[in-house]
Amino acid sequence: MSKYTLPSLPYPYDALEPHIDARTMEIHHTKHHQTYVDKLNAALEKHPELFEKPLEDLLRDPKQVPEDIRQAVINHGGGHHNHSLFWLVMAPAGKGGGREPNGSLAEEINQKWGSFEKFKEEFTGAALGIFGSGWTWLDIFEGKLKICTTKNQDSILMENKIPILNLDVWEHSYYLKFQNRRNEYLEAWWNVINWPQVEENFKKTK
């Protein structure tokens, strides 16, 4: 049996300054993400045979998870999986962050939305429109790029979608620096998107 562990960040906590502050990154990673990992492990200990199944499989088909822990796996398994992607799709300037996509991903974005700016506008609007806590996604569904949102820590794997970029819009991801100004957090986040990683995620779906 192999329990889940907190993944290390691929950069220091202060690497995304001044856009995302170091204290928020540290608390977000070591407290919030760690809690999802701990509670996922605690739930699965009641049915330890599930440790042998990939988390992605459990999230794609939660009905295979016993009812007594199903919601815990959705909440905390989703939280672990969502955050594990989120850390990777951000990067400091000069190391992937702070530019625009290119290559085949840029071509598909331009074809779908007309321009990167139009895509950015729609993605930002979706994030601003989330009531309460949730996530905004760029994903592949039925072979095409889509923007969607999910509530709480729900995984878009439950909707048969393939995530390539996600944005955490829970207050814990921005409140220390931006308080209630979610729009300013979103403006800052566009400066740290790791587009090379997003492009790699996109290519893997082909």
C-alpha atoms as a PDB file:
ATOM      1  CA  MET A   1       0.000   0.000   0.000  1.00  0.00           C
ATOM      2  CA  SER A   2       1.429   3.360  -1.027  1.00  0.00           C
ATOM      3  CA  LYS A   3      -0.089   6.436   0.548  1.00  0.00           C
ATOM      4  CA  TYR A   4      -0.300   9.754  -1.227  1.00  0.00           C
ATOM      5  CA  THR A   5       2.292  12.399  -0.415  1.00  0.00           C
ATOM      6  CA  LEU A   6       2.560  16.136  -0.905  1.00  0.00           C
ATOM      7  CA  PRO A   7       4.488  16.863  -4.122  1.00  0.00           C
ATOM      8  CA  SER A   8       7.357  19.312  -3.921  1.00  0.00           C
ATOM      9  CA  LEU A   9       7.008  22.605  -5.726  1.00  0.00           C
ATOM     10  CA  PRO A  10       9.280  22.962  -8.764  1.00  0.00           C
ATOM     11  CA  TYR A  11      10.315  26.452  -7.554  1.00  0.00           C
ATOM     12  CA  PRO A  12      10.819  28.295  -4.225  1.00  0.00           C
ATOM     13  CA  TYR A  13       7.814  29.844  -2.486  1.00  0.00           C
ATOM     14  CA  ASP A  14       8.971  33.345  -3.408  1.00  0.00           C
ATOM     15  CA  ALA A  15       9.620  32.513  -7.078  1.00  0.00           C
ATOM     16  CA  LEU A  16       6.315  33.946  -8.312  1.00  0.00           C
ATOM     17  CA  GLU A  17       6.765  37.309  -6.586  1.00  0.00           C
ATOM     18  CA  PRO A  18       5.569  39.999  -7.010  1.00  0.00           C
ATOM     19  CA  HIS A  19       2.533  38.432  -8.675  1.00  0.00           C
ATOM     20  CA  ILE A  20       1.823  35.643  -6.167  1.00  0.00           C
ATOM     21  CA  ASP A  21       3.312  36.292  -2.737  1.00  0.00           C
ATOM     22  CA  ALA A  22       5.575  33.832  -0.956  1.00  0.00           C
ATOM     23  CA  ARG A  23       3.500  33.581   2.233  1.00  0.00           C
ATOM     24  CA  THR A  24       0.373  32.640   0.303  1.00  0.00           C
ATOM     25  CA  MET A  25       2.300  30.024  -1.683  1.00  0.00           C
ATOM     26  CA  GLU A  26       3.761  28.499   1.473  1.00  0.00           C
ATOM     27  CA  ILE A  27       0.442  28.307   3.321  1.00  0.00           C
ATOM     28  CA  HIS A  28      -1.392  27.123   0.226  1.00  0.00           C
ATOM     29  CA  HIS A  29       1.098  24.317  -0.358  1.00  0.00           C
ATOM     30  CA  THR A  30       2.062  23.180   3.139  1.00  0.00           C
ATOM     31  CA  LYS A  31      -1.316  23.665   4.829  1.00  0.00           C
ATOM     32  CA  HIS A  32      -4.158  23.466   2.319  1.00  0.00           C
ATOM     33  CA  HIS A  33      -2.701  20.951  -0.131  1.00  0.00           C
ATOM     34  CA  GLN A  34      -1.216  18.899   2.699  1.00  0.00           C
ATOM     35  CA  THR A  35      -4.645  18.707   4.327  1.00  0.00           C
ATOM     36  CA  TYR A  36      -6.181  17.307   1.143  1.00  0.00           C
ATOM     37  CA  VAL A  37      -3.451  14.662   0.999  1.00  0.00           C
ATOM     38  CA  ASP A  38      -3.903  13.733   4.666  1.00  0.00           C
ATOM     39  CA  LYS A  39      -7.690  13.483   4.451  1.00  0.00           C
ATOM     40  CA  LEU A  40      -7.546  11.513   1.204  1.00  0.00           C
ATOM     41  CA  ASN A  41      -5.228   8.996   2.867  1.00  0.00           C
ATOM     42  CA  ALA A  42      -7.473   8.820   5.938  1.00  0.00           C
ATOM     43  CA  ALA A  43     -10.519   8.080   3.771  1.00  0.00           C
ATOM     44  CA  LEU A  44      -8.763   5.409   1.717  1.00  0.00           C
ATOM     45  CA  GLU A  45      -7.460   3.662   4.835  1.00  0.00           C
ATOM     46  CA  LYS A  46     -11.051   2.478   5.357  1.00  0.00           C
ATOM     47  CA  HIS A  47     -10.824   0.652   2.010  1.00  0.00           C
ATOM     48  CA  PRO A  48      -7.065   0.146   1.556  1.00  0.00           C
ATOM     49  CA  GLU A  49      -7.451  -1.819  -1.678  1.00  0.00           C
ATOM     50  CA  LEU A  50      -8.228   1.524  -3.352  1.00  0.00           C
ATOM     51  CA  PHE A  51      -4.641   2.658  -2.794  1.00  0.00           C
ATOM     52  CA  GLU A  52      -3.768   0.259  -5.621  1.00  0.00           C
ATOM     53  CA  LYS A  53      -5.920   2.168  -8.118  1.00  0.00           C
ATOM     54  CA  PRO A  54      -4.702   5.379  -9.790  1.00  0.00           C
ATOM     55  CA  LEU A  55      -6.345   8.454  -8.319  1.00  0.00           C
ATOM     56  CA  GLU A  56      -7.343   9.528 -11.832  1.00  0.00           C
ATOM     57  CA  ASP A  57      -9.427   6.360 -12.179  1.00  0.00           C
ATOM     58  CA  LEU A  58     -11.221   6.981  -8.904  1.00  0.00           C
ATOM     59  CA  LEU A  59     -12.022  10.554  -9.921  1.00  0.00           C
ATOM     60  CA  ARG A  60     -13.224   9.582 -13.393  1.00  0.00           C
ATOM     61  CA  ASP A  61     -15.690   7.111 -11.941  1.00  0.00           C
ATOM     62  CA  PRO A  62     -16.499   7.922  -8.297  1.00  0.00           C
ATOM     63  CA  LYS A  63     -19.302   5.336  -8.321  1.00  0.00           C
ATOM     64  CA  GLN A  64     -16.651   2.634  -7.948  1.00  0.00           C
ATOM     65  CA  VAL A  65     -15.693   4.191  -4.596  1.00  0.00           C
ATOM     66  CA  PRO A  66     -17.672   2.875  -1.610  1.00  0.00           C
ATOM     67  CA  GLU A  67     -20.413   5.282  -0.621  1.00  0.00           C
ATOM     68  CA  ASP A  68     -19.087   5.841   2.901  1.00  0.00           C
ATOM     69  CA  ILE A  69     -15.937   7.527   1.556  1.00  0.00           C
ATOM     70  CA  ARG A  70     -17.084   8.631  -1.911  1.00  0.00           C
ATOM     71  CA  GLN A  71     -17.588  12.314  -1.111  1.00  0.00           C
ATOM     72  CA  ALA A  72     -14.310  12.435   0.822  1.00  0.00           C
ATOM     73  CA  VAL A  73     -12.469  11.056  -2.214  1.00  0.00           C
ATOM     74  CA  ILE A  74     -14.210  13.583  -4.481  1.00  0.00           C
ATOM     75  CA  ASN A  75     -13.348  16.448  -2.108  1.00  0.00           C
ATOM     76  CA  HIS A  76      -9.844  15.535  -0.993  1.00  0.00           C
ATOM     77  CA  GLY A  77      -8.769  13.424  -3.959  1.00  0.00           C
ATOM     78  CA  GLY A  78      -9.960  16.233  -6.187  1.00  0.00           C
ATOM     79  CA  GLY A  79      -8.133  18.763  -4.047  1.00  0.00           C
ATOM     80  CA  HIS A  80      -4.902  16.786  -4.282  1.00  0.00           C
ATOM     81  CA  HIS A  81      -5.170  16.199  -8.023  1.00  0.00           C
ATOM     82  CA  ASN A  82      -6.252  19.771  -8.836  1.00  0.00           C
ATOM     83  CA  HIS A  83      -3.422  21.337  -6.851  1.00  0.00           C
ATOM     84  CA  SER A  84      -0.804  18.941  -8.230  1.00  0.00           C
ATOM     85  CA  LEU A  85      -1.558  20.316 -11.696  1.00  0.00           C
ATOM     86  CA  PHE A  86      -1.915  23.904 -10.516  1.00  0.00           C
ATOM     87  CA  TRP A  87       1.667  24.115  -9.184  1.00  0.00           C
ATOM     88  CA  LEU A  88       3.043  22.851 -12.500  1.00  0.00           C
ATOM     89  CA  VAL A  89       1.170  25.292 -14.731  1.00  0.00           C
ATOM     90  CA  MET A  90       2.815  28.242 -12.986  1.00  0.00           C
ATOM     91  CA  ALA A  91       6.449  29.305 -13.275  1.00  0.00           C
ATOM     92  CA  PRO A  92       8.673  32.329 -12.619  1.00  0.00           C
ATOM     93  CA  ALA A  93       9.365  34.815 -15.376  1.00  0.00           C
ATOM     94  CA  GLY A  94      12.224  33.579 -17.520  1.00  0.00           C
ATOM     95  CA  LYS A  95      11.442  29.945 -16.713  1.00  0.00           C
ATOM     96  CA  GLY A  96       8.218  29.624 -18.639  1.00  0.00           C
ATOM     97  CA  GLY A  97       6.078  32.208 -16.903  1.00  0.00           C
ATOM     98  CA  GLY A  98       4.950  35.528 -18.285  1.00  0.00           C
ATOM     99  CA  ARG A  99       4.552  34.982 -22.000  1.00  0.00           C
ATOM    100  CA  GLU A 100       1.886  33.762 -24.411  1.00  0.00           C
ATOM    101  CA  PRO A 101       1.427  30.267 -25.818  1.00  0.00           C
ATOM    102  CA  ASN A 102       2.819  29.354 -29.207  1.00  0.00           C
ATOM    103  CA  GLY A 103       2.869  26.423 -31.570  1.00  0.00           C
ATOM    104  CA  SER A 104      -0.139  24.160 -32.013  1.00  0.00           C
ATOM    105  CA  LEU A 105      -1.807  25.314 -28.791  1.00  0.00           C
ATOM    106  CA  ALA A 106      -1.681  28.958 -29.876  1.00  0.00           C
ATOM    107  CA  GLU A 107      -3.087  27.976 -33.256  1.00  0.00           C
ATOM    108  CA  GLU A 108      -6.034  26.183 -31.687  1.00  0.00           C
ATOM    109  CA  ILE A 109      -6.687  29.041 -29.258  1.00  0.00           C
ATOM    110  CA  ASN A 110      -6.720  31.517 -32.148  1.00  0.00           C
ATOM    111  CA  GLN A 111      -8.968  29.259 -34.186  1.00  0.00           C
ATOM    112  CA  LYS A 112     -11.413  28.756 -31.300  1.00  0.00           C
ATOM    113  CA  TRP A 113     -11.506  32.275 -29.816  1.00  0.00           C
ATOM    114  CA  GLY A 114     -10.133  34.455 -32.596  1.00  0.00           C
ATOM    115  CA  SER A 115      -7.162  35.712 -30.571  1.00  0.00           C
ATOM    116  CA  PHE A 116      -5.281  35.118 -27.363  1.00  0.00           C
ATOM    117  CA  GLU A 117      -6.808  38.283 -25.905  1.00  0.00           C
ATOM    118  CA  LYS A 118     -10.332  36.999 -26.573  1.00  0.00           C
ATOM    119  CA  PHE A 119      -9.429  33.687 -24.920  1.00  0.00           C
ATOM    120  CA  LYS A 120      -7.963  35.528 -21.940  1.00  0.00           C
ATOM    121  CA  GLU A 121     -11.104  37.651 -21.655  1.00  0.00           C
ATOM    122  CA  GLU A 122     -13.419  34.619 -21.649  1.00  0.00           C
ATOM    123  CA  PHE A 123     -11.253  32.647 -19.205  1.00  0.00           C
ATOM    124  CA  THR A 124     -11.053  35.615 -16.828  1.00  0.00           C
ATOM    125  CA  GLY A 125     -14.805  36.156 -17.088  1.00  0.00           C
ATOM    126  CA  ALA A 126     -15.441  32.520 -16.184  1.00  0.00           C
ATOM    127  CA  ALA A 127     -13.164  32.810 -13.140  1.00  0.00           C
ATOM    128  CA  LEU A 128     -14.808  36.035 -11.980  1.00  0.00           C
ATOM    129  CA  GLY A 129     -18.211  34.438 -12.401  1.00  0.00           C
ATOM    130  CA  ILE A 130     -17.626  31.586  -9.965  1.00  0.00           C
ATOM    131  CA  PHE A 131     -19.854  32.007  -6.928  1.00  0.00           C
ATOM    132  CA  GLY A 132     -17.925  30.975  -3.840  1.00  0.00           C
ATOM    133  CA  SER A 133     -15.004  28.594  -4.285  1.00  0.00           C
ATOM    134  CA  GLY A 134     -13.945  26.604  -7.311  1.00  0.00           C
ATOM    135  CA  TRP A 135     -11.654  26.279 -10.310  1.00  0.00           C
ATOM    136  CA  THR A 136     -11.465  27.542 -13.878  1.00  0.00           C
ATOM    137  CA  TRP A 137     -10.087  25.227 -16.555  1.00  0.00           C
ATOM    138  CA  LEU A 138      -8.768  25.064 -20.074  1.00  0.00           C
ATOM    139  CA  ASP A 139      -9.489  21.488 -21.059  1.00  0.00           C
ATOM    140  CA  ILE A 140     -10.013  19.096 -23.914  1.00  0.00           C
ATOM    141  CA  PHE A 141     -13.531  17.726 -24.306  1.00  0.00           C
ATOM    142  CA  GLU A 142     -14.550  15.610 -27.271  1.00  0.00           C
ATOM    143  CA  GLY A 143     -11.278  16.540 -28.949  1.00  0.00           C
ATOM    144  CA  LYS A 144     -11.713  20.304 -28.684  1.00  0.00           C
ATOM    145  CA  LEU A 145     -10.467  23.071 -26.411  1.00  0.00           C
ATOM    146  CA  LYS A 146     -13.025  24.284 -23.881  1.00  0.00           C
ATOM    147  CA  ILE A 147     -13.181  26.653 -20.932  1.00  0.00           C
ATOM    148  CA  CYS A 148     -15.165  25.403 -17.970  1.00  0.00           C
ATOM    149  CA  THR A 149     -15.525  25.886 -14.220  1.00  0.00           C
ATOM    150  CA  THR A 150     -16.038  23.471 -11.337  1.00  0.00           C
ATOM    151  CA  LYS A 151     -17.214  24.041  -7.791  1.00  0.00           C
ATOM    152  CA  ASN A 152     -15.286  23.293  -4.609  1.00  0.00           C
ATOM    153  CA  GLN A 153     -12.584  20.671  -5.350  1.00  0.00           C
ATOM    154  CA  ASP A 154     -14.535  18.712  -7.944  1.00  0.00           C
ATOM    155  CA  SER A 155     -12.327  17.226 -10.651  1.00  0.00           C
ATOM    156  CA  ILE A 156     -13.158  17.746 -14.312  1.00  0.00           C
ATOM    157  CA  LEU A 157     -12.122  14.123 -14.795  1.00  0.00           C
ATOM    158  CA  MET A 158     -15.612  13.379 -13.462  1.00  0.00           C
ATOM    159  CA  GLU A 159     -16.947  15.064 -16.631  1.00  0.00           C
ATOM    160  CA  ASN A 160     -14.667  13.089 -18.984  1.00  0.00           C
ATOM    161  CA  LYS A 161     -12.603  16.201 -19.675  1.00  0.00           C
ATOM    162  CA  ILE A 162      -8.812  16.337 -19.908  1.00  0.00           C
ATOM    163  CA  PRO A 163      -7.285  19.269 -17.986  1.00  0.00           C
ATOM    164  CA  ILE A 164      -4.363  21.184 -19.468  1.00  0.00           C
ATOM    165  CA  LEU A 165      -4.525  24.432 -17.435  1.00  0.00           C
ATOM    166  CA  ASN A 166      -6.302  25.279 -14.192  1.00  0.00           C
ATOM    167  CA  LEU A 167      -6.744  28.280 -11.924  1.00  0.00           C
ATOM    168  CA  ASP A 168      -7.566  28.033  -8.230  1.00  0.00           C
ATOM    169  CA  VAL A 169     -10.131  30.662  -7.275  1.00  0.00           C
ATOM    170  CA  TRP A 170     -10.608  29.601  -3.669  1.00  0.00           C
ATOM    171  CA  GLU A 171      -9.981  32.602  -1.408  1.00  0.00           C
ATOM    172  CA  HIS A 172      -7.044  30.855   0.255  1.00  0.00           C
ATOM    173  CA  SER A 173      -5.140  31.198  -3.036  1.00  0.00           C
ATOM    174  CA  TYR A 174      -5.186  35.001  -2.975  1.00  0.00           C
ATOM    175  CA  TYR A 175      -6.697  36.512   0.170  1.00  0.00           C
ATOM    176  CA  LEU A 176      -3.500  37.480   2.013  1.00  0.00           C
ATOM    177  CA  LYS A 177      -2.353  39.701  -0.841  1.00  0.00           C
ATOM    178  CA  PHE A 178      -5.535  40.668  -2.649  1.00  0.00           C
ATOM    179  CA  GLN A 179      -8.284  40.279  -0.009  1.00  0.00           C
ATOM    180  CA  ASN A 180     -11.610  40.369  -1.871  1.00  0.00           C
ATOM    181  CA  ARG A 181     -10.087  41.712  -5.108  1.00  0.00           C
ATOM    182  CA  ARG A 182     -10.280  38.533  -7.160  1.00  0.00           C
ATOM    183  CA  ASN A 183      -9.910  40.539 -10.366  1.00  0.00           C
ATOM    184  CA  GLU A 184      -6.445  41.747  -9.300  1.00  0.00           C
ATOM    185  CA  TYR A 185      -5.402  38.189  -8.458  1.00  0.00           C
ATOM    186  CA  LEU A 186      -6.470  37.082 -11.929  1.00  0.00           C
ATOM    187  CA  GLU A 187      -4.513  39.907 -13.569  1.00  0.00           C
ATOM    188  CA  ALA A 188      -1.428  38.869 -11.593  1.00  0.00           C
ATOM    189  CA  TRP A 189      -1.829  35.166 -12.371  1.00  0.00           C
ATOM    190  CA  TRP A 190      -1.600  35.700 -16.135  1.00  0.00           C
ATOM    191  CA  ASN A 191       2.017  36.763 -15.527  1.00  0.00           C
ATOM    192  CA  VAL A 192       3.048  33.399 -14.080  1.00  0.00           C
ATOM    193  CA  ILE A 193       1.346  30.857 -16.361  1.00  0.00           C
ATOM    194  CA  ASN A 194       3.861  28.221 -17.428  1.00  0.00           C
ATOM    195  CA  TRP A 195       2.842  28.066 -21.087  1.00  0.00           C
ATOM    196  CA  PRO A 196       5.551  25.554 -22.080  1.00  0.00           C
ATOM    197  CA  GLN A 197       4.047  23.126 -19.537  1.00  0.00           C
ATOM    198  CA  VAL A 198       0.512  23.866 -20.721  1.00  0.00           C
ATOM    199  CA  GLU A 199       1.635  23.240 -24.286  1.00  0.00           C
ATOM    200  CA  GLU A 200       3.168  19.938 -23.187  1.00  0.00           C
ATOM    201  CA  ASN A 201      -0.103  18.983 -21.471  1.00  0.00           C
ATOM    202  CA  PHE A 202      -1.925  19.850 -24.689  1.00  0.00           C
ATOM    203  CA  LYS A 203       0.387  17.739 -26.869  1.00  0.00           C
ATOM    204  CA  LYS A 204      -0.147  14.721 -24.610  1.00  0.00           C
ATOM    205  CA  THR A 205      -3.859  14.796 -25.428  1.00  0.00           C
ATOM    206  CA  LYS A 206      -3.194  14.339 -29.135  1.00  0.00           C
END
